[in-house]
Each structure stands twice: as C-alpha cells, then as structure tokens.
C-alpha cells in the first residue's frame, strides 16, 4: 500500500518546494523519504517522531541543533541542508541524499563473502575518522553506528545529527539528547557521566573492530541482545578479544589503536588527530621473525590479562557503590516513613539533659546529623 504522504510537498532552505517521491525507511528517530525539487535535485527528508516533542521548547532545541549541524561541511559528512516544521507532516530535516545504502549493509554483505583486505578497511576507517573529526569540531554525534554511516558511491558519509549535543552548549536547559544505541553506547553514558567527544571515539572504535572482524567486539559477552542490562555489563566490564587473534595479518599498530579507542576510560582513548595520522601511515605487517612474533603475542596476552583484572576491579567498585547508594536511599526512606507514622523524630544525647535523665536534650534527627560516637534514641511525640 502506497504511503499517503507521497506527492506532498515541504519547504526547503531557500523557500523552494520539495515533493516526497518515495519512502526509504524507518528508524528509532523517524521516517525517511526521498524528495525532489523542480530542478530534479534529490534530497533525503527525515520526519521526526512526534513523541519527542512534548512542547515547543524541545522542538526549538532540535531546530537549533540542526542549524549547528548544517555548519559541518566535509566530504565524509552527510550535510544537513534545512530544518523546518510542516503543519500537516510535523518537524523534518532535509539532508544530502546518499544512494548506496549504509555501512551496516556493507558489513552484512561482507559476512557472506569474507573479510575485506586490510588496505580497503583502513580506507573506510579513515573516512569515518575524518568525518567524525569534522563533526566533533562543532557537535558530539552521540549515536554513531553503522546504520548512521551512509554510502554514496565509494564514499562514506556520516549522517543523522538529530540527537547530537552541541559541544559548546553543555549547560543549556533544553537539550534534545535522544537515545544512544545500546550496541555502541560508551561506559560513561551507561554511568550517566559527563559526555565529551570521546563517546564518539569509543563508538567508532567498535565500528572499526566490526569492519575488520565482521563481528561486534562484545557480541560473545552479551547473552541476550534484547536485554539492555546484558549490554550494559558488557560495555562496562568486558574486554574484547584481540583483533590479531581473529585476523593474525592485522598489524600490531592498528590493533593497538583500536584497543585504545574502545578503552573503558575516556581519558585513555586517543584524539582524532592521532587516529587519522596512524590510519594514514604505512600498513604495518606481522613480524616475520618467529621470536619477535612470539614476544609480541606474549605482550598482548599480558595486556589482556591486566585489562581483565582492571575490568573486574571496576565492576567490584561499581557494585559497592551501588550497594552504598541503595543503603543510603533505604535509610532515608525509612526515616521519612517513621517521621510520617510517628510524628517528629527526636534525638536524646545522654549527659546533656536539662530536664532529667529520662528526657535529655532534644534535637531534630536527620540522616547526616548523627555523630558516630553518640547513642541515638528515638522518641516519638
């Protein structure tokens, strides 16, 4: 059944009309159509899900971010041309049109044919890194994944800036944050910590690993992909297998670079300038000398063991922190319930009574007010 919106028109950046020509697909953020203007210029139009816009202020924030995204101009970025709102169709974004599918499609195709050669994968990774660097000069993408990296001929273009966060507006009240995909969500996002451009470096590292190995690096650690808690634990604690175990022909420098990109701590991840420099360098090869190869393998194994120990220690720390927070919350809830049920909770400190030993001096009791060397008596009035 044809979509009823086919043939309808929207306004473009210069007031021109774009007519919706065909339906392209649907994602978590909205629906995408191919559209053309009177000069037969083809663009992509994404209509944003109305559930994201409960008030005009959130819509205003989205339109502002789209305007910021339109400032990103790079051959490896799908340029945002316009953002607007149609009375009949709702809010929308107009972007460049990519005609060859996505990186996710390419990876899926290669799984049937086998791994790509190293030189070709380095070219793909370099294109992604260059596009990310251009984006991160202005925005944090926040939802980098193979489905958001489009193919236009032989060129990759990073798209979907609808849930990006402006780097220089981290303190604004109304921010359209969206939902980062759980398969590519960095540890600090799971911990609700401050977001920096390093979240995009982490996501790109996972994508690079996937391009080379044709499997997600945390795939074996997630028992139930539909359970976000399994994904969370994998991102927080699991150390992926070395790429060189999967493909021994991968050079040590490249394998180490990707290991650093997917480090659990953002401060351990490299900057885009270093990533681009290393991807531009001559392809390193496996050392021919068996003794050197064995020494390198042993060094990699020692590093993996250290990483596993560090990950387990981090998991223990997070578990203790969670238990401590649950304990504090439970105590606070108990005190509030006692206060509501029994009236004012008072504290009697022995030896400070002016009205007899049975009553003592009265103080309001709060969760933070009790001294460790005091006996606490609850008196209900």
Protein backbone atom coordinates (compact mmCIF):
# COMPACT_ATOMS: atom_id res chain seq x y z
CA UNK A 1 0.00 0.00 0.00
CA UNK A 2 1.45 3.37 -1.05
CA UNK A 3 2.23 5.89 1.66
CA UNK A 4 -0.37 8.68 1.62
CA UNK A 5 2.38 11.26 2.08
CA UNK A 6 3.95 10.51 -1.32
CA UNK A 7 3.34 13.54 -3.55
CA UNK A 8 3.06 16.01 -0.66
CA UNK A 9 5.45 18.98 -0.53
CA UNK A 10 7.62 20.69 2.09
CA UNK A 11 9.64 23.90 2.06
CA UNK A 12 13.39 23.87 1.55
CA UNK A 13 16.16 26.20 2.78
CA UNK A 14 15.54 28.83 0.10
CA UNK A 15 11.77 28.57 0.05
CA UNK A 16 11.71 26.04 -2.79
CA UNK A 17 9.30 23.11 -2.67
CA UNK A 18 10.44 19.51 -2.33
CA UNK A 19 7.97 16.80 -3.34
CA UNK A 20 8.10 13.47 -1.49
CA UNK A 21 8.90 10.83 -4.12
CA UNK A 22 9.38 7.55 -2.23
CA UNK A 23 9.62 6.04 1.24
CA UNK A 24 13.16 4.97 2.18
CA UNK A 25 12.94 3.57 5.69
CA UNK A 26 12.05 3.91 9.34
CA UNK A 27 14.29 4.18 12.42
CA UNK A 28 14.05 4.98 16.10
CA UNK A 29 14.27 8.69 15.38
CA UNK A 30 11.83 8.99 12.48
CA UNK A 31 10.89 8.10 8.91
CA UNK A 32 12.95 8.94 5.83
CA UNK A 33 11.75 9.83 2.32
CA UNK A 34 13.45 10.64 -0.95
CA UNK A 35 12.32 14.01 -2.29
CA UNK A 36 12.98 16.17 -5.35
CA UNK A 37 12.62 19.85 -6.18
CA UNK A 38 11.59 21.38 -9.51
CA UNK A 39 15.18 21.18 -10.76
CA UNK A 40 15.21 17.41 -10.02
CA UNK A 41 17.68 17.84 -7.17
CA UNK A 42 17.34 14.79 -4.92
CA UNK A 43 17.47 15.08 -1.12
CA UNK A 44 16.56 12.94 1.89
CA UNK A 45 13.80 14.16 4.20
CA UNK A 46 13.52 12.79 7.73
CA UNK A 47 10.26 13.35 9.62
CA UNK A 48 10.90 13.26 13.34
CA UNK A 49 8.72 11.18 15.65
CA UNK A 50 6.20 13.45 17.35
CA UNK A 51 6.72 11.63 20.68
CA UNK A 52 9.98 13.53 21.09
CA UNK A 53 8.23 16.91 21.11
CA UNK A 54 6.02 17.50 24.12
CA UNK A 55 6.41 21.26 23.95
CA UNK A 56 7.69 23.98 21.63
CA UNK A 57 10.88 24.48 23.63
CA UNK A 58 12.11 20.96 22.82
CA UNK A 59 11.26 21.50 19.16
CA UNK A 60 13.15 24.79 19.27
CA UNK A 61 16.19 22.95 20.72
CA UNK A 62 16.10 20.39 17.91
CA UNK A 63 15.90 23.08 15.22
CA UNK A 64 18.84 24.89 16.83
CA UNK A 65 20.94 21.71 16.80
CA UNK A 66 20.03 21.12 13.16
CA UNK A 67 21.24 24.63 12.33
CA UNK A 68 24.51 23.88 14.12
CA UNK A 69 24.83 20.60 12.21
CA UNK A 70 24.40 22.48 8.93
CA UNK A 71 27.71 24.25 9.69
CA UNK A 72 29.56 20.93 9.37
CA UNK A 73 30.84 20.71 5.79
CA UNK A 74 33.04 17.75 4.91
CA UNK A 75 33.04 15.18 2.13
CA UNK A 76 32.57 12.39 4.71
CA UNK A 77 29.59 14.04 6.38
CA UNK A 78 26.01 13.92 5.14
CA UNK A 79 25.26 17.62 5.16
CA UNK A 80 22.14 18.93 6.89
CA UNK A 81 20.53 21.39 4.47
CA UNK A 82 17.46 22.59 6.37
CA UNK A 83 15.22 22.01 9.37
CA UNK A 84 11.59 23.02 9.48
CA UNK A 85 8.07 22.13 10.54
CA UNK A 86 5.09 21.35 8.35
CA UNK A 87 1.57 21.87 9.67
CA UNK A 88 0.49 18.63 8.01
CA UNK A 89 3.61 16.48 8.37
CA UNK A 90 5.34 17.78 11.51
CA UNK A 91 9.04 18.59 12.11
CA UNK A 92 11.57 17.47 9.49
CA UNK A 93 15.22 17.59 8.46
CA UNK A 94 16.47 17.86 4.88
CA UNK A 95 19.88 16.33 4.18
CA UNK A 96 22.03 15.32 1.26
CA UNK A 97 20.93 12.11 -0.43
CA UNK A 98 23.16 9.02 -0.31
CA UNK A 99 22.36 6.46 -2.98
CA UNK A 100 24.25 3.30 -1.97
CA UNK A 101 22.88 2.16 1.39
CA UNK A 102 24.76 2.15 4.69
CA UNK A 103 27.93 0.79 6.24
CA UNK A 104 25.70 -1.72 8.07
CA UNK A 105 24.61 -3.05 4.66
CA UNK A 106 28.23 -3.35 3.54
CA UNK A 107 29.24 -5.28 6.67
CA UNK A 108 26.27 -7.59 6.23
CA UNK A 109 27.25 -8.22 2.60
CA UNK A 110 30.87 -8.94 3.55
CA UNK A 111 29.81 -11.54 6.12
CA UNK A 112 28.67 -13.64 3.18
CA UNK A 113 31.86 -13.04 1.18
CA UNK A 114 34.52 -12.95 3.89
CA UNK A 115 36.73 -10.21 5.39
CA UNK A 116 37.81 -7.21 3.35
CA UNK A 117 41.52 -6.71 2.74
CA UNK A 118 43.33 -4.55 5.29
CA UNK A 119 44.03 -1.69 2.89
CA UNK A 120 40.36 -1.32 1.99
CA UNK A 121 39.26 -1.42 5.64
CA UNK A 122 41.82 1.24 6.53
CA UNK A 123 40.41 3.46 3.81
CA UNK A 124 36.88 3.02 5.22
CA UNK A 125 38.06 3.69 8.76
CA UNK A 126 39.98 6.77 7.66
CA UNK A 127 36.85 8.19 6.02
CA UNK A 128 34.87 7.65 9.24
CA UNK A 129 37.62 9.24 11.34
CA UNK A 130 37.85 12.30 9.08
CA UNK A 131 34.07 12.75 9.17
CA UNK A 132 33.98 12.37 12.95
CA UNK A 133 36.75 14.90 13.41
CA UNK A 134 34.81 17.45 11.34
CA UNK A 135 31.64 16.78 13.33
CA UNK A 136 33.35 16.91 16.73
CA UNK A 137 34.72 20.36 15.98
CA UNK A 138 31.12 21.54 16.46
CA UNK A 139 28.97 18.68 17.74
CA UNK A 140 29.01 15.43 19.64
CA UNK A 141 27.22 12.97 17.38
CA UNK A 142 26.08 10.73 20.30
CA UNK A 143 24.58 7.99 18.11
CA UNK A 144 27.39 6.81 15.86
CA UNK A 145 26.68 3.33 14.44
CA UNK A 146 26.95 1.56 11.05
CA UNK A 147 23.30 2.37 10.26
CA UNK A 148 24.09 6.10 10.51
CA UNK A 149 27.09 5.92 8.18
CA UNK A 150 25.83 6.17 4.61
CA UNK A 151 27.44 5.14 1.31
CA UNK A 152 27.40 7.43 -1.68
CA UNK A 153 29.27 5.60 -4.40
CA UNK A 154 32.62 4.64 -2.86
CA UNK A 155 32.45 7.40 -0.24
CA UNK A 156 31.21 7.09 3.34
CA UNK A 157 29.16 9.94 4.81
CA UNK A 158 28.20 10.17 8.48
CA UNK A 159 24.59 11.23 8.98
CA UNK A 160 21.72 11.60 11.45
CA UNK A 161 22.55 14.59 13.60
CA UNK A 162 19.07 14.67 15.10
CA UNK A 163 20.24 13.67 18.57
CA UNK A 164 23.57 15.46 18.63
CA UNK A 165 24.59 17.64 21.55
CA UNK A 166 26.39 20.90 20.96
CA UNK A 167 29.88 20.83 22.41
CA UNK A 168 29.68 24.45 23.48
CA UNK A 169 26.15 24.27 24.94
CA UNK A 170 26.60 21.56 27.58
CA UNK A 171 24.82 23.61 30.25
CA UNK A 172 21.65 24.53 28.40
CA UNK A 173 18.34 23.54 29.99
CA UNK A 174 16.54 22.09 26.98
CA UNK A 175 18.71 19.60 25.13
CA UNK A 176 17.38 17.04 22.69
CA UNK A 177 19.54 14.08 23.74
CA UNK A 178 17.84 11.12 22.12
CA UNK A 179 18.82 7.54 22.85
CA UNK A 180 22.25 6.20 22.01
CA UNK A 181 22.11 2.68 20.57
CA UNK A 182 22.97 0.11 23.27
CA UNK A 183 25.37 -1.79 20.99
CA UNK A 184 27.61 1.27 20.62
CA UNK A 185 26.98 3.07 23.92
CA UNK A 186 30.13 4.01 25.83
CA UNK A 187 30.69 3.16 29.53
CA UNK A 188 30.37 6.78 30.69
CA UNK A 189 26.95 7.04 29.04
CA UNK A 190 25.79 3.97 30.93
CA UNK A 191 27.05 5.64 34.15
CA UNK A 192 25.30 8.94 33.27
CA UNK A 193 28.60 10.80 33.43
CA UNK A 194 29.58 13.92 31.52
CA UNK A 195 29.65 13.38 27.75
CA UNK A 196 32.60 14.50 25.64
CA UNK A 197 33.73 13.85 22.07
CA UNK A 198 35.39 10.68 23.42
CA UNK A 199 31.99 8.94 23.32
CA UNK A 200 32.19 9.16 19.52
CA UNK A 201 35.75 7.80 19.59
CA UNK A 202 34.50 4.77 21.55
CA UNK A 203 31.62 4.11 19.15
CA UNK A 204 33.95 4.49 16.15
CA UNK A 205 36.40 2.02 17.72
CA UNK A 206 33.65 -0.59 17.99
CA UNK A 207 32.72 0.07 14.35
CA UNK A 208 36.37 -0.25 13.24
CA UNK A 209 36.63 -3.58 15.07
CA UNK A 210 33.45 -4.70 13.32
CA UNK A 211 34.69 -3.63 9.87
CA UNK A 212 37.87 -5.69 10.33
CA UNK A 213 36.39 -8.78 12.01
CA UNK A 214 32.81 -8.66 10.68
CA UNK A 215 31.53 -9.19 14.22
CA UNK A 216 30.71 -6.82 17.07
CA UNK A 217 33.56 -6.88 19.64
CA UNK A 218 31.15 -7.50 22.56
CA UNK A 219 28.94 -9.97 20.70
CA UNK A 220 30.11 -13.03 22.68
CA UNK A 221 29.70 -11.25 26.02
CA UNK A 222 26.01 -10.40 25.52
CA UNK A 223 23.85 -13.41 26.31
CA UNK A 224 20.55 -11.72 25.46
CA UNK A 225 20.83 -8.85 22.94
CA UNK A 226 17.27 -7.77 23.79
CA UNK A 227 18.24 -7.23 27.45
CA UNK A 228 19.87 -3.82 27.85
CA UNK A 229 21.36 -4.93 31.20
CA UNK A 230 23.48 -7.54 29.41
CA UNK A 231 24.67 -4.84 27.02
CA UNK A 232 25.44 -2.53 29.93
CA UNK A 233 27.59 -5.12 31.72
CA UNK A 234 29.44 -5.93 28.52
CA UNK A 235 30.32 -2.28 27.87
CA UNK A 236 31.31 -1.65 31.48
CA UNK A 237 33.41 -4.74 32.17
CA UNK A 238 34.11 -6.95 29.14
CA UNK A 239 37.46 -6.77 27.34
CA UNK A 240 37.07 -7.86 23.69
CA UNK A 241 39.42 -10.44 22.20
CA UNK A 242 42.43 -9.07 20.39
CA UNK A 243 41.79 -8.42 16.71
CA UNK A 244 45.00 -10.28 15.92
CA UNK A 245 43.53 -13.46 17.35
CA UNK A 246 40.71 -13.18 14.81
CA UNK A 247 42.85 -11.93 11.92
CA UNK A 248 46.58 -12.53 12.54
CA UNK A 249 47.50 -10.48 9.45
CA UNK A 250 46.31 -7.27 11.14
CA UNK A 251 49.29 -5.14 12.09
CA UNK A 252 50.11 -4.57 15.74
CA UNK A 253 49.91 -0.77 15.46
CA UNK A 254 46.39 -0.90 14.02
CA UNK A 255 45.20 -3.47 16.58
CA UNK A 256 46.58 -1.40 19.46
CA UNK A 257 44.98 1.78 18.11
CA UNK A 258 41.52 0.18 18.09
CA UNK A 259 42.11 -1.32 21.56
CA UNK A 260 42.76 2.21 22.85
CA UNK A 261 39.70 3.63 21.07
CA UNK A 262 37.45 1.17 22.94
CA UNK A 263 39.10 1.71 26.32
CA UNK A 264 36.65 1.84 29.23
CA UNK A 265 38.10 5.13 30.48
CA UNK A 266 37.59 8.10 28.12
CA UNK A 267 40.94 9.63 29.08
CA UNK A 268 42.70 6.54 27.68
CA UNK A 269 41.18 6.98 24.22
CA UNK A 270 43.22 8.75 21.51
CA UNK A 271 42.34 12.04 19.85
CA UNK A 272 41.08 12.10 16.25
CA UNK A 273 44.33 13.69 15.07
CA UNK A 274 46.33 10.68 16.27
CA UNK A 275 43.79 8.21 14.88
CA UNK A 276 43.92 9.86 11.45
CA UNK A 277 47.71 10.01 11.49
CA UNK A 278 48.03 6.31 12.28
CA UNK A 279 45.41 5.29 9.70
CA UNK A 280 47.31 7.34 7.11
CA UNK A 281 50.59 5.62 7.94
CA UNK A 282 52.08 2.69 6.05
CA UNK A 283 50.33 -0.59 6.80
CA UNK A 284 52.27 -2.43 9.46
CA UNK A 285 52.79 -6.13 8.94
CA UNK A 286 53.24 -9.15 11.17
CA UNK A 287 56.96 -9.52 12.05
CA UNK A 288 58.45 -12.41 10.08
CA UNK A 289 60.84 -13.46 12.83
CA UNK A 290 59.17 -16.18 14.96
CA UNK A 291 60.90 -15.00 18.12
CA UNK A 292 59.63 -11.44 17.71
CA UNK A 293 56.15 -12.68 16.86
CA UNK A 294 56.11 -14.87 19.99
CA UNK A 295 57.29 -11.97 22.16
CA UNK A 296 54.58 -9.71 20.74
CA UNK A 297 51.93 -12.38 21.31
CA UNK A 298 53.07 -12.77 24.93
CA UNK A 299 52.96 -9.00 25.44
CA UNK A 300 49.44 -8.82 24.04
CA UNK A 301 48.35 -11.67 26.31
CA UNK A 302 49.80 -9.92 29.38
CA UNK A 303 47.98 -6.72 28.45
CA UNK A 304 44.70 -8.60 28.02
CA UNK A 305 45.14 -10.16 31.47
CA UNK A 306 45.85 -6.75 33.02
CA UNK A 307 42.78 -5.31 31.31
CA UNK A 308 40.62 -8.15 32.62
CA UNK A 309 41.86 -7.59 36.17
CA UNK A 310 41.20 -3.86 35.85
CA UNK A 311 37.72 -4.51 34.48
CA UNK A 312 36.88 -6.85 37.37
CA UNK A 313 38.14 -4.28 39.86
CA UNK A 314 35.99 -1.62 38.22
CA UNK A 315 32.96 -3.91 38.39
CA UNK A 316 33.57 -4.52 42.12
CA UNK A 317 33.83 -0.77 42.67
CA UNK A 318 30.57 -0.16 40.82
CA UNK A 319 28.82 -2.92 42.78
CA UNK A 320 29.98 -1.47 46.10
CA UNK A 321 28.94 2.00 45.01
CA UNK A 322 25.51 0.72 44.03
CA UNK A 323 25.09 -1.11 47.35
CA UNK A 324 26.14 2.00 49.25
CA UNK A 325 23.65 4.16 47.35
CA UNK A 326 20.86 1.63 47.89
CA UNK A 327 21.67 1.51 51.62
CA UNK A 328 21.61 5.30 51.94
CA UNK A 329 18.36 5.53 49.99
CA UNK A 330 16.77 2.81 52.14
CA UNK A 331 17.79 4.57 55.36
CA UNK A 332 16.42 7.89 54.14
CA UNK A 333 13.14 6.29 53.10
CA UNK A 334 12.85 4.53 56.48
CA UNK A 335 13.41 7.77 58.37
CA UNK A 336 10.80 9.55 56.27
CA UNK A 337 8.30 6.76 56.88
CA UNK A 338 8.97 6.83 60.63
CA UNK A 339 8.53 10.58 60.64
CA UNK A 340 5.20 10.36 58.87
CA UNK A 341 3.96 7.49 61.04
CA UNK A 342 5.12 8.52 64.48
CA UNK A 343 5.41 12.28 64.38
CA UNK A 344 8.56 14.20 64.95
CA UNK A 345 11.68 12.06 65.40
CA UNK A 346 13.89 13.37 68.15
CA UNK A 347 17.32 12.50 69.40
CA UNK A 348 18.35 12.24 73.04
CA UNK A 349 22.01 12.71 73.83
CA UNK A 350 22.88 11.30 77.30
CA UNK A 351 24.56 13.68 79.71
CA UNK A 352 23.19 16.87 78.12
CA UNK A 353 19.74 16.90 79.69
CA UNK A 354 18.41 20.00 81.44
CA UNK A 355 15.12 18.32 82.29
CA UNK A 356 16.11 14.99 83.78
CA UNK A 357 17.82 11.83 82.64
CA UNK A 358 14.65 10.37 81.19
CA UNK A 359 14.18 13.05 78.57
CA UNK A 360 17.50 14.66 77.74
CA UNK A 361 18.15 17.39 75.22
CA UNK A 362 16.02 17.20 72.07
CA UNK A 363 17.38 17.63 68.57
CA UNK A 364 15.95 17.09 65.14
CA UNK A 365 17.31 13.91 63.62
CA UNK A 366 18.47 13.90 60.01
CA UNK A 367 20.33 11.21 58.06
CA UNK A 368 23.51 13.30 58.18
CA UNK A 369 23.15 14.70 61.67
CA UNK A 370 24.09 11.69 63.81
CA UNK A 371 27.62 11.62 65.19
CA UNK A 372 29.30 8.19 65.25
CA UNK A 373 30.22 8.45 68.97
CA UNK A 374 26.70 9.25 70.12
CA UNK A 375 23.98 6.88 71.30
CA UNK A 376 20.82 7.59 69.39
CA UNK A 377 17.40 7.20 71.00
CA UNK A 378 14.20 7.69 69.02
CA UNK A 379 11.45 9.44 70.95
CA UNK A 380 8.01 9.72 69.35
CA UNK A 381 5.63 12.57 70.18
